[in-house]
C-alpha atoms as a PDB file:
ATOM      1  CA  MET A   1      -8.041   8.599  -1.651  1.00  0.00           C
ATOM      2  CA  ARG A   2      -5.428   7.574   1.150  1.00  0.00           C
ATOM      3  CA  LEU A   3      -6.402   4.215   3.080  1.00  0.00           C
ATOM      4  CA  ILE A   4      -4.604   3.728   5.902  1.00  0.00           C
ATOM      5  CA  ARG A   5      -5.006   1.303   8.974  1.00  0.00           C
ATOM      6  CA  CYS A   6      -4.884   2.485  12.725  1.00  0.00           C
ATOM      7  CA  GLY A   7      -4.895   0.649  16.070  1.00  0.00           C
ATOM      8  CA  ALA A   8      -2.610  -1.520  18.032  1.00  0.00           C
ATOM      9  CA  PRO A   9      -0.521  -4.420  15.758  1.00  0.00           C
ATOM     10  CA  GLY A  10      -2.883  -7.034  14.720  1.00  0.00           C
ATOM     11  CA  ARG A  11      -5.846  -4.985  15.835  1.00  0.00           C
ATOM     12  CA  GLU A  12      -6.371  -2.165  12.987  1.00  0.00           C
ATOM     13  CA  ARG A  13      -9.119  -0.834  11.748  1.00  0.00           C
ATOM     14  CA  PRO A  14      -9.606   0.496   8.253  1.00  0.00           C
ATOM     15  CA  GLY A  15      -9.276   4.353   7.724  1.00  0.00           C
ATOM     16  CA  VAL A  16      -8.704   7.035   5.496  1.00  0.00           C
ATOM     17  CA  LEU A  17      -6.290   9.766   5.444  1.00  0.00           C
ATOM     18  CA  LEU A  18      -7.789  13.281   4.661  1.00  0.00           C
ATOM     19  CA  ASP A  19      -6.492  16.015   2.465  1.00  0.00           C
ATOM     20  CA  ASP A  20      -6.383  17.729   5.775  1.00  0.00           C
ATOM     21  CA  GLY A  21      -4.008  15.343   7.500  1.00  0.00           C
ATOM     22  CA  GLY A  22      -7.334  14.077   9.652  1.00  0.00           C
ATOM     23  CA  ARG A  23      -8.158  10.554   9.322  1.00  0.00           C
ATOM     24  CA  LEU A  24     -11.138   8.861   9.149  1.00  0.00           C
ATOM     25  CA  ASP A  25     -12.507   5.478  10.651  1.00  0.00           C
ATOM     26  CA  THR A  26     -14.355   3.638   7.970  1.00  0.00           C
ATOM     27  CA  SER A  27     -15.328   0.329   9.910  1.00  0.00           C
ATOM     28  CA  ALA A  28     -18.618   0.908   9.676  1.00  0.00           C
ATOM     29  CA  PHE A  29     -18.451   0.312   5.923  1.00  0.00           C
ATOM     30  CA  THR A  30     -15.439  -2.652   5.651  1.00  0.00           C
ATOM     31  CA  ARG A  31     -14.376  -4.857   7.626  1.00  0.00           C
ATOM     32  CA  ASP A  32     -10.810  -4.570   6.854  1.00  0.00           C
ATOM     33  CA  TYR A  33      -8.866  -3.573   3.695  1.00  0.00           C
ATOM     34  CA  ASP A  34      -7.748  -6.829   2.202  1.00  0.00           C
ATOM     35  CA  GLU A  35      -8.007  -9.181  -0.792  1.00  0.00           C
ATOM     36  CA  SER A  36     -11.408  -9.473  -1.108  1.00  0.00           C
ATOM     37  CA  PHE A  37     -12.133  -5.379  -0.227  1.00  0.00           C
ATOM     38  CA  PHE A  38     -10.111  -4.854  -3.504  1.00  0.00           C
ATOM     39  CA  ALA A  39     -11.530  -7.910  -5.748  1.00  0.00           C
ATOM     40  CA  ASP A  40     -15.325  -6.940  -4.729  1.00  0.00           C
ATOM     41  CA  GLY A  41     -15.002  -3.455  -5.501  1.00  0.00           C
ATOM     42  CA  GLY A  42     -14.452  -1.939  -2.092  1.00  0.00           C
ATOM     43  CA  VAL A  43     -12.562   0.929  -3.483  1.00  0.00           C
ATOM     44  CA  ASP A  44     -15.532   2.605  -5.324  1.00  0.00           C
ATOM     45  CA  GLY A  45     -17.476   1.727  -2.610  1.00  0.00           C
ATOM     46  CA  LEU A  46     -15.865   3.448  -0.160  1.00  0.00           C
ATOM     47  CA  ARG A  47     -16.021   6.180  -2.151  1.00  0.00           C
ATOM     48  CA  ALA A  48     -19.622   6.238  -2.887  1.00  0.00           C
ATOM     49  CA  TRP A  49     -20.157   5.537   1.235  1.00  0.00           C
ATOM     50  CA  LEU A  50     -17.535   8.405   2.152  1.00  0.00           C
ATOM     51  CA  SER A  51     -19.893  10.725  -0.172  1.00  0.00           C
ATOM     52  CA  GLN A  52     -22.445  10.089   2.049  1.00  0.00           C
ATOM     53  CA  HIS A  53     -21.153   9.585   5.604  1.00  0.00           C
ATOM     54  CA  GLY A  54     -17.689  11.143   5.419  1.00  0.00           C
ATOM     55  CA  ASP A  55     -19.038  14.111   7.338  1.00  0.00           C
ATOM     56  CA  THR A  56     -20.584  11.782  10.151  1.00  0.00           C
ATOM     57  CA  ALA A  57     -17.886   9.059  10.189  1.00  0.00           C
ATOM     58  CA  PRO A  58     -15.755   9.372  13.062  1.00  0.00           C
ATOM     59  CA  ARG A  59     -12.125  10.782  13.164  1.00  0.00           C
ATOM     60  CA  ILE A  60      -9.214   8.707  14.579  1.00  0.00           C
ATOM     61  CA  PRO A  61      -7.639  10.592  16.786  1.00  0.00           C
ATOM     62  CA  ALA A  62      -3.877  11.828  15.594  1.00  0.00           C
ATOM     63  CA  GLY A  63      -1.711  10.465  17.451  1.00  0.00           C
ATOM     64  CA  GLU A  64      -3.258   6.653  17.204  1.00  0.00           C
ATOM     65  CA  ARG A  65      -0.254   4.288  15.679  1.00  0.00           C
ATOM     66  CA  LEU A  66      -0.472   3.787  11.400  1.00  0.00           C
ATOM     67  CA  GLY A  67      -0.075   0.167  10.463  1.00  0.00           C
ATOM     68  CA  PRO A  68       0.155  -1.216   7.406  1.00  0.00           C
ATOM     69  CA  PRO A  69      -2.304  -0.139   4.706  1.00  0.00           C
ATOM     70  CA  ILE A  70      -3.333  -3.452   3.765  1.00  0.00           C
ATOM     71  CA  ARG A  71      -4.525  -6.138   5.863  1.00  0.00           C
ATOM     72  CA  ARG A  72      -1.912  -9.560   5.340  1.00  0.00           C
ATOM     73  CA  PRO A  73      -1.662  -9.587   1.179  1.00  0.00           C
ATOM     74  CA  SER A  74      -1.071 -12.942  -0.967  1.00  0.00           C
ATOM     75  CA  LYS A  75       2.375 -11.911  -1.706  1.00  0.00           C
ATOM     76  CA  ILE A  76       4.191  -8.801  -2.300  1.00  0.00           C
ATOM     77  CA  ILE A  77       6.129  -8.439  -5.978  1.00  0.00           C
ATOM     78  CA  CYS A  78       9.070  -5.913  -6.078  1.00  0.00           C
ATOM     79  CA  ILE A  79      10.973  -4.485  -8.442  1.00  0.00           C
ATOM     80  CA  GLY A  80      14.593  -4.049  -7.675  1.00  0.00           C
ATOM     81  CA  LEU A  81      17.351  -1.313  -9.041  1.00  0.00           C
ATOM     82  CA  ASN A  82      14.025   0.901 -10.447  1.00  0.00           C
ATOM     83  CA  PHE A  83      16.493   4.071 -10.276  1.00  0.00           C
ATOM     84  CA  ARG A  84      19.671   4.981 -11.841  1.00  0.00           C
ATOM     85  CA  ASP A  85      20.984   5.995  -8.764  1.00  0.00           C
ATOM     86  CA  HIS A  86      19.984   3.117  -6.884  1.00  0.00           C
ATOM     87  CA  ALA A  87      21.692   1.144  -9.383  1.00  0.00           C
ATOM     88  CA  ALA A  88      24.797   3.235  -9.532  1.00  0.00           C
ATOM     89  CA  GLU A  89      25.071   2.881  -5.765  1.00  0.00           C
ATOM     90  CA  SER A  90      24.673  -0.469  -5.783  1.00  0.00           C
ATOM     91  CA  GLY A  91      27.905  -0.740  -8.173  1.00  0.00           C
ATOM     92  CA  MET A  92      25.369  -1.910 -11.109  1.00  0.00           C
ATOM     93  CA  GLU A  93      23.707  -1.426 -14.397  1.00  0.00           C
ATOM     94  CA  VAL A  94      20.419  -0.202 -14.777  1.00  0.00           C
ATOM     95  CA  PRO A  95      18.950  -3.597 -15.586  1.00  0.00           C
ATOM     96  CA  ARG A  96      17.523  -3.898 -19.422  1.00  0.00           C
ATOM     97  CA  GLU A  97      14.373  -5.193 -17.794  1.00  0.00           C
ATOM     98  CA  PRO A  98      12.605  -4.764 -14.249  1.00  0.00           C
ATOM     99  CA  VAL A  99      14.243  -7.554 -11.447  1.00  0.00           C
ATOM    100  CA  LEU A 100      11.396  -9.149  -9.737  1.00  0.00           C
ATOM    101  CA  PHE A 101      11.335 -10.570  -6.665  1.00  0.00           C
ATOM    102  CA  LEU A 102       9.230 -11.383  -3.622  1.00  0.00           C
ATOM    103  CA  LYS A 103       9.099 -10.082   0.044  1.00  0.00           C
ATOM    104  CA  ALA A 104       7.619 -12.249   3.018  1.00  0.00           C
ATOM    105  CA  THR A 105       4.227 -11.067   3.785  1.00  0.00           C
ATOM    106  CA  SER A 106       5.620 -10.231   7.562  1.00  0.00           C
ATOM    107  CA  ALA A 107       7.778  -7.865   6.113  1.00  0.00           C
ATOM    108  CA  LEU A 108       4.783  -5.018   5.997  1.00  0.00           C
ATOM    109  CA  CYS A 109       4.137  -3.132   8.561  1.00  0.00           C
ATOM    110  CA  GLY A 110       3.156  -0.021   9.940  1.00  0.00           C
ATOM    111  CA  PRO A 111       5.506   3.755   8.779  1.00  0.00           C
ATOM    112  CA  ASN A 112       6.717   4.119  12.266  1.00  0.00           C
ATOM    113  CA  ASP A 113       6.942   0.719  13.723  1.00  0.00           C
ATOM    114  CA  ASP A 114      10.178  -0.420  14.415  1.00  0.00           C
ATOM    115  CA  VAL A 115      12.202  -2.849  12.115  1.00  0.00           C
ATOM    116  CA  ILE A 116      12.349  -6.563  13.977  1.00  0.00           C
ATOM    117  CA  ILE A 117      16.291  -7.667  12.970  1.00  0.00           C
ATOM    118  CA  PRO A 118      16.439 -11.555  12.927  1.00  0.00           C
ATOM    119  CA  ARG A 119      17.909 -13.311  15.723  1.00  0.00           C
ATOM    120  CA  GLY A 120      21.723 -13.761  14.478  1.00  0.00           C
ATOM    121  CA  GLY A 121      21.499 -11.302  11.768  1.00  0.00           C
ATOM    122  CA  THR A 122      24.289  -9.058  10.952  1.00  0.00           C
ATOM    123  CA  LYS A 123      23.322  -7.062   8.300  1.00  0.00           C
ATOM    124  CA  LEU A 124      19.925  -4.956   7.975  1.00  0.00           C
ATOM    125  CA  ASP A 125      18.995  -3.163   4.138  1.00  0.00           C
ATOM    126  CA  TRP A 126      15.896  -1.160   3.764  1.00  0.00           C
ATOM    127  CA  GLU A 127      13.975   0.359   1.498  1.00  0.00           C
ATOM    128  CA  VAL A 128      11.008   2.727   1.425  1.00  0.00           C
ATOM    129  CA  GLU A 129       8.856   2.275  -2.283  1.00  0.00           C
ATOM    130  CA  PRO A 130       5.635   3.593  -3.440  1.00  0.00           C
ATOM    131  CA  ASN A 131       3.217   0.580  -3.217  1.00  0.00           C
ATOM    132  CA  TRP A 132       0.011   0.090  -5.514  1.00  0.00           C
ATOM    133  CA  ILE A 133      -2.266  -2.003  -4.876  1.00  0.00           C
ATOM    134  CA  HIS A 134      -4.102  -3.942  -7.778  1.00  0.00           C
ATOM    135  CA  ASN A 135      -7.802  -4.122  -7.215  1.00  0.00           C
ATOM    136  CA  ARG A 136      -7.993  -6.316 -10.326  1.00  0.00           C
ATOM    137  CA  ARG A 137      -6.237  -9.763 -10.989  1.00  0.00           C
ATOM    138  CA  PRO A 138      -3.136  -9.371 -13.197  1.00  0.00           C
ATOM    139  CA  GLY A 139      -3.946 -10.006 -16.739  1.00  0.00           C
ATOM    140  CA  THR A 140      -7.492  -8.722 -16.677  1.00  0.00           C
ATOM    141  CA  SER A 141      -6.338  -5.521 -16.985  1.00  0.00           C
ATOM    142  CA  PRO A 142      -4.737  -3.773 -20.046  1.00  0.00           C
ATOM    143  CA  ALA A 143      -1.780  -1.104 -19.750  1.00  0.00           C
ATOM    144  CA  ALA A 144      -4.420   1.278 -21.100  1.00  0.00           C
ATOM    145  CA  ARG A 145      -6.422   0.528 -17.841  1.00  0.00           C
ATOM    146  CA  CYS A 146      -3.665   0.826 -15.529  1.00  0.00           C
ATOM    147  CA  THR A 147      -5.091   4.500 -13.543  1.00  0.00           C
ATOM    148  CA  THR A 148      -8.337   2.174 -13.034  1.00  0.00           C
ATOM    149  CA  THR A 149      -6.584  -0.661 -11.699  1.00  0.00           C
ATOM    150  CA  ILE A 150      -4.622   1.042  -9.317  1.00  0.00           C
ATOM    151  CA  PRO A 151      -5.873   3.839  -7.492  1.00  0.00           C
ATOM    152  CA  ASN A 152      -4.567   6.534  -7.435  1.00  0.00           C
ATOM    153  CA  ALA A 153      -1.500   5.893  -9.431  1.00  0.00           C
ATOM    154  CA  PRO A 154       0.110   8.377 -11.987  1.00  0.00           C
ATOM    155  CA  SER A 155      -1.812   8.400 -14.973  1.00  0.00           C
ATOM    156  CA  SER A 156       1.574   7.809 -16.998  1.00  0.00           C
ATOM    157  CA  SER A 157       2.983   4.551 -17.694  1.00  0.00           C
ATOM    158  CA  SER A 158       5.497   4.777 -14.990  1.00  0.00           C
ATOM    159  CA  ALA A 159       2.437   3.590 -12.590  1.00  0.00           C
ATOM    160  CA  ALA A 160       3.863  -0.386 -14.004  1.00  0.00           C
ATOM    161  CA  GLY A 161       6.871   0.297 -11.683  1.00  0.00           C
ATOM    162  CA  SER A 162       7.300   1.252  -7.872  1.00  0.00           C
ATOM    163  CA  GLY A 163       8.401   4.407  -8.349  1.00  0.00           C
END
């Protein structure tokens, strides 16, 4: 299940992207995809709701703006130099342990949104990385249960990284 949010910035509504590229509006099930949605079993509830209402749920027009897939998370945790090629292009060795860093939640945007360069900024670096949204708090999910903790995560141990 691929979660999407569509609409004008700040007024996005939740939806799902279908295998055929179509988009369904899921706002009849949930107000938004936020931390309480994931903490309260929203993914499982949405699956059940879609099985009953997916055929009648309103479609979202294909041209409508895609926003960030989650509403303002409390944190964005990143893993740096997670590909050999990335380390090589940076002129660095592959780290022995993951390089973790945080991003401001205001950095989250839709896939086609403009990237705002801060006033006085002279250098802009960008990355596009796969993301996972944990639907349980860290520390309560053993690695063996990774695929139930991270919706759509690969079933290999690489699911702990960002790609």
